[in-house]
Amino acid sequence: MCLPLLLLPANRLIISAMLFLAIASPTAFAQVPQPAEAPQPAEKTMKSMISAIRANFLPDFVAPGDEAFQAGMTREMLSSINQSLASRLTQGYTTTFLTRLNQQGFEVYVWKLEFKDGNDDVLVFMALKDGKVGGFWLR
């Protein structure tokens, strides 16, 4: 004697589960990542340093830095960065926060710097410790 599939309780459970999984939206089970945002103080510091690069103004660039950062940055270094980026910054740009890393006691924030000229993007890395910039790199 052959019983229909739906009469056996185990089969009903399996078929019900398969039907549920087939009907349920896959996005209902996926975790949608929330857009990452840098803390306001870090974002403000990064933007002020980008503005200082554009203006080629060393005092504003080193102001948020710790003693070692201030002592290690020279006018020549800033001028070199300014020469390569000032015209692109003047044309316009947007920044997109990517992530935060913990490295050697610093909080390292990473942004994508995208220029309106459509040429290569730049990654901005800013290392903070106790609210002071210990490093600022453009790649």
C-alpha atoms as a PDB file:
ATOM      1  CA  MET A   1       0.000   0.000   0.000  1.00  0.00           C
ATOM      2  CA  CYS A   2       1.390   3.401  -1.006  1.00  0.00           C
ATOM      3  CA  LEU A   3       0.526   6.478   1.050  1.00  0.00           C
ATOM      4  CA  PRO A   4       0.546   9.916  -0.569  1.00  0.00           C
ATOM      5  CA  LEU A   5       3.535  12.047   0.404  1.00  0.00           C
ATOM      6  CA  LEU A   6       1.491  14.540   2.409  1.00  0.00           C
ATOM      7  CA  LEU A   7       0.019  11.939   4.755  1.00  0.00           C
ATOM      8  CA  LEU A   8       3.287  11.146   6.526  1.00  0.00           C
ATOM      9  CA  PRO A   9       4.132  13.810   9.168  1.00  0.00           C
ATOM     10  CA  ALA A  10       7.862  13.790   8.385  1.00  0.00           C
ATOM     11  CA  ASN A  11       7.180  14.352   4.694  1.00  0.00           C
ATOM     12  CA  ARG A  12       4.736  17.176   5.438  1.00  0.00           C
ATOM     13  CA  LEU A  13       7.395  18.911   7.544  1.00  0.00           C
ATOM     14  CA  ILE A  14      10.027  18.590   4.815  1.00  0.00           C
ATOM     15  CA  ILE A  15       7.671  19.784   2.082  1.00  0.00           C
ATOM     16  CA  SER A  16       6.470  22.703   4.247  1.00  0.00           C
ATOM     17  CA  ALA A  17      10.059  23.761   4.945  1.00  0.00           C
ATOM     18  CA  MET A  18      10.977  23.555   1.250  1.00  0.00           C
ATOM     19  CA  LEU A  19       7.897  25.578   0.296  1.00  0.00           C
ATOM     20  CA  PHE A  20       8.703  28.223   2.917  1.00  0.00           C
ATOM     21  CA  LEU A  21      12.289  28.536   1.726  1.00  0.00           C
ATOM     22  CA  ALA A  22      11.202  28.754  -1.909  1.00  0.00           C
ATOM     23  CA  ILE A  23       8.658  31.497  -1.197  1.00  0.00           C
ATOM     24  CA  ALA A  24      10.547  33.524   1.408  1.00  0.00           C
ATOM     25  CA  SER A  25      12.621  36.332  -0.026  1.00  0.00           C
ATOM     26  CA  PRO A  26      16.353  35.609   0.133  1.00  0.00           C
ATOM     27  CA  THR A  27      16.890  39.189   1.285  1.00  0.00           C
ATOM     28  CA  ALA A  28      14.850  38.454   4.393  1.00  0.00           C
ATOM     29  CA  PHE A  29      17.729  36.292   5.596  1.00  0.00           C
ATOM     30  CA  ALA A  30      20.583  38.506   4.422  1.00  0.00           C
ATOM     31  CA  GLN A  31      22.034  41.075   6.738  1.00  0.00           C
ATOM     32  CA  VAL A  32      22.178  44.374   4.928  1.00  0.00           C
ATOM     33  CA  PRO A  33      25.286  46.270   6.000  1.00  0.00           C
ATOM     34  CA  GLN A  34      24.633  49.776   7.201  1.00  0.00           C
ATOM     35  CA  PRO A  35      26.588  52.509   5.447  1.00  0.00           C
ATOM     36  CA  ALA A  36      29.731  53.189   7.427  1.00  0.00           C
ATOM     37  CA  GLU A  37      30.361  56.675   8.672  1.00  0.00           C
ATOM     38  CA  ALA A  38      33.457  58.128  10.220  1.00  0.00           C
ATOM     39  CA  PRO A  39      32.992  59.926  13.527  1.00  0.00           C
ATOM     40  CA  GLN A  40      32.363  63.639  12.934  1.00  0.00           C
ATOM     41  CA  PRO A  41      35.635  64.801  14.548  1.00  0.00           C
ATOM     42  CA  ALA A  42      37.683  62.476  12.311  1.00  0.00           C
ATOM     43  CA  GLU A  43      35.745  63.522   9.196  1.00  0.00           C
ATOM     44  CA  LYS A  44      36.157  67.211  10.050  1.00  0.00           C
ATOM     45  CA  THR A  45      39.900  66.780  10.645  1.00  0.00           C
ATOM     46  CA  MET A  46      40.421  64.948   7.353  1.00  0.00           C
ATOM     47  CA  LYS A  47      38.505  67.601   5.388  1.00  0.00           C
ATOM     48  CA  SER A  48      40.440  70.437   7.021  1.00  0.00           C
ATOM     49  CA  MET A  49      43.713  68.721   6.126  1.00  0.00           C
ATOM     50  CA  ILE A  50      42.581  68.264   2.510  1.00  0.00           C
ATOM     51  CA  SER A  51      41.706  71.984   2.439  1.00  0.00           C
ATOM     52  CA  ALA A  52      45.167  72.810   3.801  1.00  0.00           C
ATOM     53  CA  ILE A  53      46.736  70.722   1.015  1.00  0.00           C
ATOM     54  CA  ARG A  54      44.686  72.610  -1.558  1.00  0.00           C
ATOM     55  CA  ALA A  55      45.727  75.971  -0.023  1.00  0.00           C
ATOM     56  CA  ASN A  56      49.324  74.773   0.498  1.00  0.00           C
ATOM     57  CA  PHE A  57      49.166  76.134   4.053  1.00  0.00           C
ATOM     58  CA  LEU A  58      51.396  74.174   6.418  1.00  0.00           C
ATOM     59  CA  PRO A  59      50.119  75.616   9.742  1.00  0.00           C
ATOM     60  CA  ASP A  60      46.569  74.420   9.025  1.00  0.00           C
ATOM     61  CA  PHE A  61      47.812  71.052   7.787  1.00  0.00           C
ATOM     62  CA  VAL A  62      49.864  70.244  10.902  1.00  0.00           C
ATOM     63  CA  ALA A  63      47.525  71.892  13.464  1.00  0.00           C
ATOM     64  CA  PRO A  64      45.563  68.694  14.269  1.00  0.00           C
ATOM     65  CA  GLY A  65      48.756  66.636  14.518  1.00  0.00           C
ATOM     66  CA  ASP A  66      50.690  65.388  17.511  1.00  0.00           C
ATOM     67  CA  GLU A  67      54.204  66.717  18.195  1.00  0.00           C
ATOM     68  CA  ALA A  68      55.943  64.108  16.046  1.00  0.00           C
ATOM     69  CA  PHE A  69      53.621  64.782  13.103  1.00  0.00           C
ATOM     70  CA  GLN A  70      54.123  68.536  13.383  1.00  0.00           C
ATOM     71  CA  ALA A  71      57.895  68.177  13.624  1.00  0.00           C
ATOM     72  CA  GLY A  72      58.105  65.709  10.732  1.00  0.00           C
ATOM     73  CA  MET A  73      56.081  67.647   8.158  1.00  0.00           C
ATOM     74  CA  THR A  74      57.915  70.252   6.078  1.00  0.00           C
ATOM     75  CA  ARG A  75      56.805  72.961   3.652  1.00  0.00           C
ATOM     76  CA  GLU A  76      58.572  71.086   0.867  1.00  0.00           C
ATOM     77  CA  MET A  77      56.607  67.912   1.585  1.00  0.00           C
ATOM     78  CA  LEU A  78      53.292  69.784   1.595  1.00  0.00           C
ATOM     79  CA  SER A  79      54.241  71.716  -1.557  1.00  0.00           C
ATOM     80  CA  SER A  80      54.940  68.456  -3.347  1.00  0.00           C
ATOM     81  CA  ILE A  81      51.505  67.113  -2.416  1.00  0.00           C
ATOM     82  CA  ASN A  82      49.922  70.430  -3.372  1.00  0.00           C
ATOM     83  CA  GLN A  83      51.570  70.413  -6.800  1.00  0.00           C
ATOM     84  CA  SER A  84      50.196  66.976  -7.600  1.00  0.00           C
ATOM     85  CA  LEU A  85      46.665  67.473  -6.249  1.00  0.00           C
ATOM     86  CA  ALA A  86      45.724  71.176  -6.000  1.00  0.00           C
ATOM     87  CA  SER A  87      44.310  71.537  -9.509  1.00  0.00           C
ATOM     88  CA  ARG A  88      42.291  68.348  -9.115  1.00  0.00           C
ATOM     89  CA  LEU A  89      41.007  69.428  -5.698  1.00  0.00           C
ATOM     90  CA  THR A  90      40.010  72.816  -7.124  1.00  0.00           C
ATOM     91  CA  GLN A  91      37.915  71.114  -9.826  1.00  0.00           C
ATOM     92  CA  GLY A  92      35.970  69.321  -7.112  1.00  0.00           C
ATOM     93  CA  TYR A  93      36.012  66.057  -5.246  1.00  0.00           C
ATOM     94  CA  THR A  94      33.980  63.826  -2.979  1.00  0.00           C
ATOM     95  CA  THR A  95      35.092  61.705  -0.065  1.00  0.00           C
ATOM     96  CA  THR A  96      33.611  58.351   0.874  1.00  0.00           C
ATOM     97  CA  PHE A  97      34.427  56.776   4.212  1.00  0.00           C
ATOM     98  CA  LEU A  98      35.532  53.172   3.760  1.00  0.00           C
ATOM     99  CA  THR A  99      36.617  51.734   7.104  1.00  0.00           C
ATOM    100  CA  ARG A 100      38.384  52.105  10.433  1.00  0.00           C
ATOM    101  CA  LEU A 101      41.327  49.958  11.464  1.00  0.00           C
ATOM    102  CA  ASN A 102      43.121  49.471  14.773  1.00  0.00           C
ATOM    103  CA  GLN A 103      46.853  49.527  14.131  1.00  0.00           C
ATOM    104  CA  GLN A 104      49.639  49.841  16.682  1.00  0.00           C
ATOM    105  CA  GLY A 105      47.517  51.813  19.148  1.00  0.00           C
ATOM    106  CA  PHE A 106      46.111  54.159  16.477  1.00  0.00           C
ATOM    107  CA  GLU A 107      42.648  54.360  14.987  1.00  0.00           C
ATOM    108  CA  VAL A 108      43.286  54.506  11.243  1.00  0.00           C
ATOM    109  CA  TYR A 109      40.449  55.917   9.146  1.00  0.00           C
ATOM    110  CA  VAL A 110      40.328  55.277   5.403  1.00  0.00           C
ATOM    111  CA  TRP A 111      38.463  57.327   2.787  1.00  0.00           C
ATOM    112  CA  LYS A 112      38.214  57.217  -0.986  1.00  0.00           C
ATOM    113  CA  LEU A 113      38.952  60.616  -2.527  1.00  0.00           C
ATOM    114  CA  GLU A 114      37.178  60.753  -5.888  1.00  0.00           C
ATOM    115  CA  PHE A 115      37.904  63.668  -8.185  1.00  0.00           C
ATOM    116  CA  LYS A 116      35.403  65.356 -10.498  1.00  0.00           C
ATOM    117  CA  ASP A 117      37.945  65.169 -13.346  1.00  0.00           C
ATOM    118  CA  GLY A 118      37.251  61.425 -13.540  1.00  0.00           C
ATOM    119  CA  ASN A 119      40.908  60.432 -13.288  1.00  0.00           C
ATOM    120  CA  ASP A 120      42.416  58.107 -10.684  1.00  0.00           C
ATOM    121  CA  ASP A 121      40.982  58.081  -7.173  1.00  0.00           C
ATOM    122  CA  VAL A 122      43.184  58.416  -4.097  1.00  0.00           C
ATOM    123  CA  LEU A 123      42.965  56.613  -0.775  1.00  0.00           C
ATOM    124  CA  VAL A 124      43.326  58.785   2.314  1.00  0.00           C
ATOM    125  CA  PHE A 125      44.647  57.160   5.483  1.00  0.00           C
ATOM    126  CA  MET A 126      44.559  59.173   8.709  1.00  0.00           C
ATOM    127  CA  ALA A 127      45.913  57.739  11.964  1.00  0.00           C
ATOM    128  CA  LEU A 128      44.513  59.196  15.191  1.00  0.00           C
ATOM    129  CA  LYS A 129      45.524  58.659  18.779  1.00  0.00           C
ATOM    130  CA  ASP A 130      43.959  60.612  21.633  1.00  0.00           C
ATOM    131  CA  GLY A 131      42.318  62.925  19.082  1.00  0.00           C
ATOM    132  CA  LYS A 132      45.635  63.887  17.463  1.00  0.00           C
ATOM    133  CA  VAL A 133      46.818  62.996  13.971  1.00  0.00           C
ATOM    134  CA  GLY A 134      49.884  60.790  14.038  1.00  0.00           C
ATOM    135  CA  GLY A 135      49.944  60.089  10.299  1.00  0.00           C
ATOM    136  CA  PHE A 136      48.278  61.188   7.084  1.00  0.00           C
ATOM    137  CA  TRP A 137      48.933  59.315   3.838  1.00  0.00           C
ATOM    138  CA  LEU A 138      47.586  59.649   0.315  1.00  0.00           C
ATOM    139  CA  ARG A 139      47.870  56.659  -2.015  1.00  0.00           C
END
